[in-house]
Amino acid sequence: MLARIYKPSKNAMQSGKAATKRWRLEFDSSVAPRTDALMGWTSSADPNGQVRLHFDTKEQAIAFAREHEIPHRVTETAEVKRVIKSYSDNFAYQRREPWSH
């Protein structure tokens, strides 16, 4: 069973980045989920699909996986470059596009 080590991305519904600072180790599902015919719920017989471990650093997550002999894959995330703008830039004379109205 392969484990995936990664830093989760920011939640699209919130502007905060608190959940993106820690590394996560979670197992890939070895069994395909199945749909219940009556209710339409999805379920799986794999209990490891529910396991999520959090670590402060990538090295701690890798050390845990190696200590417990868990095959793992590390996924690096690209840092988002933040562009700082001012509201007054919308009305600047040197604006690349002319004001629309």
N, C-alpha and C. Protein backbone atom coordinates (compact mmCIF):
# COMPACT_ATOMS: atom_id res chain seq x y z
N MET A 1 0.85 -1.17 0.00
CA MET A 1 0.00 0.00 0.00
C MET A 1 0.90 1.24 0.00
N LEU A 2 0.71 2.08 -0.96
CA LEU A 2 1.52 3.27 -1.14
C LEU A 2 0.94 4.44 -0.36
N ALA A 3 1.82 5.16 0.31
CA ALA A 3 1.40 6.36 1.05
C ALA A 3 1.84 7.59 0.27
N ARG A 4 1.08 8.64 0.39
CA ARG A 4 1.39 9.90 -0.28
C ARG A 4 1.70 10.95 0.77
N ILE A 5 2.83 11.63 0.63
CA ILE A 5 3.24 12.70 1.55
C ILE A 5 3.19 14.01 0.77
N TYR A 6 2.41 14.96 1.27
CA TYR A 6 2.24 16.22 0.56
C TYR A 6 1.80 17.32 1.52
N LYS A 7 1.87 18.54 1.04
CA LYS A 7 1.33 19.69 1.75
C LYS A 7 -0.01 20.02 1.12
N PRO A 8 -1.10 20.02 1.90
CA PRO A 8 -2.41 20.28 1.29
C PRO A 8 -2.52 21.72 0.80
N SER A 9 -3.33 21.91 -0.21
CA SER A 9 -3.52 23.25 -0.76
C SER A 9 -4.53 24.04 0.07
N LYS A 10 -4.60 25.31 -0.21
CA LYS A 10 -5.52 26.20 0.51
C LYS A 10 -6.96 25.86 0.16
N ASN A 11 -7.82 25.96 1.14
CA ASN A 11 -9.24 25.73 0.93
C ASN A 11 -9.78 26.85 0.04
N ALA A 12 -10.54 26.50 -0.97
CA ALA A 12 -11.07 27.50 -1.89
C ALA A 12 -12.15 28.36 -1.26
N MET A 13 -12.75 27.91 -0.18
CA MET A 13 -13.85 28.63 0.45
C MET A 13 -13.39 29.65 1.49
N GLN A 14 -12.09 29.62 1.86
CA GLN A 14 -11.60 30.53 2.87
C GLN A 14 -10.30 31.15 2.39
N SER A 15 -9.98 32.31 2.92
CA SER A 15 -8.76 32.99 2.50
C SER A 15 -7.57 32.62 3.36
N GLY A 16 -7.77 32.00 4.49
CA GLY A 16 -6.67 31.66 5.39
C GLY A 16 -5.84 30.50 4.88
N LYS A 17 -4.58 30.48 5.28
CA LYS A 17 -3.65 29.44 4.84
C LYS A 17 -3.15 28.60 6.02
N ALA A 18 -3.89 28.55 7.11
CA ALA A 18 -3.44 27.84 8.30
C ALA A 18 -3.31 26.34 8.05
N ALA A 19 -4.17 25.77 7.24
CA ALA A 19 -4.15 24.33 7.01
C ALA A 19 -3.07 23.91 6.02
N THR A 20 -2.33 24.84 5.45
CA THR A 20 -1.33 24.51 4.44
C THR A 20 0.08 24.47 5.00
N LYS A 21 0.25 24.65 6.27
CA LYS A 21 1.60 24.72 6.84
C LYS A 21 2.16 23.35 7.23
N ARG A 22 1.30 22.36 7.45
CA ARG A 22 1.74 21.06 7.91
C ARG A 22 1.72 20.04 6.76
N TRP A 23 2.57 19.03 6.87
CA TRP A 23 2.65 17.98 5.88
C TRP A 23 1.69 16.86 6.25
N ARG A 24 1.12 16.21 5.26
CA ARG A 24 0.13 15.16 5.50
C ARG A 24 0.61 13.86 4.85
N LEU A 25 0.42 12.76 5.57
CA LEU A 25 0.66 11.43 5.04
C LEU A 25 -0.67 10.71 5.00
N GLU A 26 -1.07 10.28 3.81
CA GLU A 26 -2.31 9.51 3.69
C GLU A 26 -2.09 8.40 2.68
N PHE A 27 -2.84 7.33 2.87
CA PHE A 27 -2.69 6.14 2.05
C PHE A 27 -3.58 6.22 0.82
N ASP A 28 -3.04 5.73 -0.30
CA ASP A 28 -3.86 5.60 -1.51
C ASP A 28 -4.77 4.40 -1.34
N SER A 29 -5.95 4.50 -1.85
CA SER A 29 -6.93 3.43 -1.71
C SER A 29 -6.54 2.26 -2.61
N SER A 30 -6.54 1.06 -2.04
CA SER A 30 -6.21 -0.13 -2.83
C SER A 30 -7.46 -0.79 -3.38
N VAL A 31 -8.62 -0.41 -2.88
CA VAL A 31 -9.89 -0.98 -3.32
C VAL A 31 -10.76 0.15 -3.86
N ALA A 32 -11.36 -0.07 -5.00
CA ALA A 32 -12.24 0.94 -5.59
C ALA A 32 -13.48 1.13 -4.73
N PRO A 33 -13.94 2.35 -4.54
CA PRO A 33 -15.16 2.55 -3.76
C PRO A 33 -16.38 2.01 -4.51
N ARG A 34 -17.35 1.57 -3.77
CA ARG A 34 -18.57 1.05 -4.39
C ARG A 34 -19.76 1.90 -3.93
N THR A 35 -20.78 1.94 -4.75
CA THR A 35 -21.96 2.75 -4.48
C THR A 35 -23.08 1.85 -3.98
N ASP A 36 -23.72 2.26 -2.90
CA ASP A 36 -24.87 1.55 -2.38
C ASP A 36 -26.05 1.75 -3.32
N ALA A 37 -26.72 0.64 -3.69
CA ALA A 37 -27.80 0.72 -4.67
C ALA A 37 -29.01 1.48 -4.15
N LEU A 38 -29.30 1.36 -2.86
CA LEU A 38 -30.51 1.97 -2.32
C LEU A 38 -30.33 3.46 -2.03
N MET A 39 -29.27 3.81 -1.27
CA MET A 39 -29.11 5.19 -0.82
C MET A 39 -28.18 6.02 -1.71
N GLY A 40 -27.32 5.36 -2.47
CA GLY A 40 -26.41 6.10 -3.32
C GLY A 40 -25.13 6.52 -2.62
N TRP A 41 -24.90 6.07 -1.38
CA TRP A 41 -23.69 6.42 -0.65
C TRP A 41 -22.51 5.62 -1.20
N THR A 42 -21.35 6.20 -1.14
CA THR A 42 -20.16 5.46 -1.54
C THR A 42 -19.47 4.94 -0.29
N SER A 43 -18.95 3.73 -0.40
CA SER A 43 -18.25 3.12 0.73
C SER A 43 -17.07 2.34 0.19
N SER A 44 -16.18 1.96 1.09
CA SER A 44 -15.01 1.20 0.72
C SER A 44 -14.71 0.20 1.83
N ALA A 45 -14.11 -0.90 1.44
CA ALA A 45 -13.73 -1.92 2.41
C ALA A 45 -12.31 -1.69 2.92
N ASP A 46 -11.66 -0.63 2.47
CA ASP A 46 -10.29 -0.35 2.85
C ASP A 46 -10.27 0.64 4.02
N PRO A 47 -9.89 0.19 5.24
CA PRO A 47 -9.88 1.12 6.37
C PRO A 47 -8.72 2.12 6.33
N ASN A 48 -7.68 1.82 5.58
CA ASN A 48 -6.53 2.74 5.51
C ASN A 48 -6.85 4.00 4.72
N GLY A 49 -7.92 4.00 3.98
CA GLY A 49 -8.32 5.20 3.24
C GLY A 49 -8.77 6.33 4.15
N GLN A 50 -9.06 6.02 5.41
CA GLN A 50 -9.50 7.03 6.36
C GLN A 50 -8.36 7.60 7.20
N VAL A 51 -7.17 7.03 7.08
CA VAL A 51 -6.04 7.43 7.93
C VAL A 51 -5.34 8.64 7.31
N ARG A 52 -5.21 9.71 8.11
CA ARG A 52 -4.47 10.91 7.72
C ARG A 52 -3.61 11.31 8.89
N LEU A 53 -2.30 11.35 8.66
CA LEU A 53 -1.37 11.75 9.71
C LEU A 53 -0.76 13.09 9.33
N HIS A 54 -0.61 13.96 10.33
CA HIS A 54 -0.07 15.30 10.09
C HIS A 54 1.29 15.42 10.76
N PHE A 55 2.22 16.10 10.06
CA PHE A 55 3.57 16.30 10.56
C PHE A 55 3.96 17.76 10.34
N ASP A 56 4.87 18.24 11.19
CA ASP A 56 5.31 19.63 11.07
C ASP A 56 6.27 19.83 9.90
N THR A 57 7.09 18.83 9.60
CA THR A 57 8.05 18.95 8.51
C THR A 57 7.96 17.75 7.59
N LYS A 58 8.49 17.93 6.39
CA LYS A 58 8.53 16.85 5.42
C LYS A 58 9.45 15.72 5.90
N GLU A 59 10.55 16.09 6.55
CA GLU A 59 11.51 15.10 7.03
C GLU A 59 10.89 14.19 8.09
N GLN A 60 10.04 14.75 8.95
CA GLN A 60 9.37 13.93 9.96
C GLN A 60 8.43 12.93 9.31
N ALA A 61 7.72 13.33 8.29
CA ALA A 61 6.80 12.42 7.60
C ALA A 61 7.56 11.30 6.90
N ILE A 62 8.67 11.64 6.26
CA ILE A 62 9.48 10.63 5.58
C ILE A 62 10.10 9.68 6.59
N ALA A 63 10.59 10.21 7.71
CA ALA A 63 11.18 9.36 8.75
C ALA A 63 10.14 8.40 9.32
N PHE A 64 8.91 8.87 9.52
CA PHE A 64 7.84 7.99 10.02
C PHE A 64 7.55 6.87 9.04
N ALA A 65 7.47 7.21 7.75
CA ALA A 65 7.19 6.20 6.73
C ALA A 65 8.32 5.17 6.65
N ARG A 66 9.55 5.61 6.74
CA ARG A 66 10.68 4.68 6.68
C ARG A 66 10.77 3.82 7.94
N GLU A 67 10.47 4.41 9.09
CA GLU A 67 10.52 3.67 10.35
C GLU A 67 9.50 2.53 10.37
N HIS A 68 8.33 2.78 9.79
CA HIS A 68 7.27 1.77 9.77
C HIS A 68 7.23 0.99 8.45
N GLU A 69 8.27 1.17 7.62
CA GLU A 69 8.44 0.45 6.35
C GLU A 69 7.22 0.62 5.44
N ILE A 70 6.78 1.86 5.31
CA ILE A 70 5.65 2.19 4.45
C ILE A 70 6.20 2.76 3.15
N PRO A 71 5.92 2.12 2.01
CA PRO A 71 6.35 2.73 0.75
C PRO A 71 5.63 4.05 0.54
N HIS A 72 6.36 5.07 0.14
CA HIS A 72 5.77 6.41 0.07
C HIS A 72 6.23 7.16 -1.17
N ARG A 73 5.46 8.19 -1.50
CA ARG A 73 5.76 9.10 -2.61
C ARG A 73 5.60 10.51 -2.08
N VAL A 74 6.61 11.35 -2.28
CA VAL A 74 6.57 12.73 -1.81
C VAL A 74 6.19 13.63 -2.98
N THR A 75 5.19 14.47 -2.77
CA THR A 75 4.75 15.41 -3.79
C THR A 75 5.06 16.83 -3.30
N GLU A 76 5.92 17.51 -4.02
CA GLU A 76 6.27 18.89 -3.69
C GLU A 76 5.24 19.83 -4.31
N THR A 77 4.91 20.88 -3.59
CA THR A 77 3.98 21.88 -4.11
C THR A 77 4.74 23.16 -4.43
N ALA A 78 4.33 23.80 -5.49
CA ALA A 78 4.95 25.06 -5.88
C ALA A 78 4.42 26.18 -5.00
N GLU A 79 5.29 27.06 -4.57
CA GLU A 79 4.88 28.21 -3.77
C GLU A 79 4.15 29.22 -4.65
N VAL A 80 3.06 29.74 -4.16
CA VAL A 80 2.28 30.71 -4.90
C VAL A 80 2.92 32.08 -4.75
N LYS A 81 3.19 32.72 -5.88
CA LYS A 81 3.77 34.05 -5.85
C LYS A 81 2.63 35.06 -5.71
N ARG A 82 2.68 35.84 -4.67
CA ARG A 82 1.62 36.79 -4.39
C ARG A 82 1.94 38.14 -5.04
N VAL A 83 0.98 38.66 -5.77
CA VAL A 83 1.13 39.95 -6.43
C VAL A 83 0.36 40.97 -5.60
N ILE A 84 1.08 41.92 -5.04
CA ILE A 84 0.47 42.93 -4.19
C ILE A 84 0.03 44.10 -5.08
N LYS A 85 -1.25 44.41 -5.02
CA LYS A 85 -1.80 45.49 -5.82
C LYS A 85 -2.55 46.46 -4.92
N SER A 86 -2.72 47.63 -5.43
CA SER A 86 -3.49 48.65 -4.74
C SER A 86 -4.76 48.92 -5.55
N TYR A 87 -5.80 49.29 -4.87
CA TYR A 87 -7.05 49.61 -5.56
C TYR A 87 -6.86 50.78 -6.52
N SER A 88 -5.99 51.69 -6.18
CA SER A 88 -5.78 52.86 -7.04
C SER A 88 -5.08 52.49 -8.35
N ASP A 89 -4.47 51.30 -8.43
CA ASP A 89 -3.86 50.87 -9.68
C ASP A 89 -4.89 50.67 -10.79
N ASN A 90 -6.15 50.46 -10.42
CA ASN A 90 -7.20 50.32 -11.42
C ASN A 90 -7.42 51.61 -12.20
N PHE A 91 -7.07 52.75 -11.61
CA PHE A 91 -7.33 54.05 -12.22
C PHE A 91 -6.03 54.77 -12.62
N ALA A 92 -4.93 54.06 -12.66
CA ALA A 92 -3.63 54.69 -12.95
C ALA A 92 -3.56 55.14 -14.41
N TYR A 93 -2.80 56.22 -14.64
CA TYR A 93 -2.65 56.76 -15.99
C TYR A 93 -1.83 55.81 -16.86
N GLN A 94 -0.88 55.12 -16.27
CA GLN A 94 0.00 54.21 -17.02
C GLN A 94 -0.63 52.82 -17.17
N ARG A 95 -1.91 52.69 -17.01
CA ARG A 95 -2.60 51.40 -17.10
C ARG A 95 -2.43 50.81 -18.49
N ARG A 96 -2.19 49.50 -18.58
CA ARG A 96 -1.96 48.86 -19.88
C ARG A 96 -3.22 48.85 -20.74
N GLU A 97 -4.37 48.62 -20.11
CA GLU A 97 -5.63 48.60 -20.85
C GLU A 97 -6.41 49.86 -20.52
N PRO A 98 -7.08 50.44 -21.49
CA PRO A 98 -7.87 51.64 -21.17
C PRO A 98 -9.05 51.29 -20.28
N TRP A 99 -9.49 52.25 -19.52
CA TRP A 99 -10.65 52.05 -18.65
C TRP A 99 -11.86 51.79 -19.51
N SER A 100 -12.68 50.81 -19.15
CA SER A 100 -13.74 50.34 -20.02
C SER A 100 -14.96 51.25 -20.07
N HIS A 101 -15.16 52.14 -19.11
CA HIS A 101 -16.34 52.98 -19.15
C HIS A 101 -16.13 54.30 -18.47
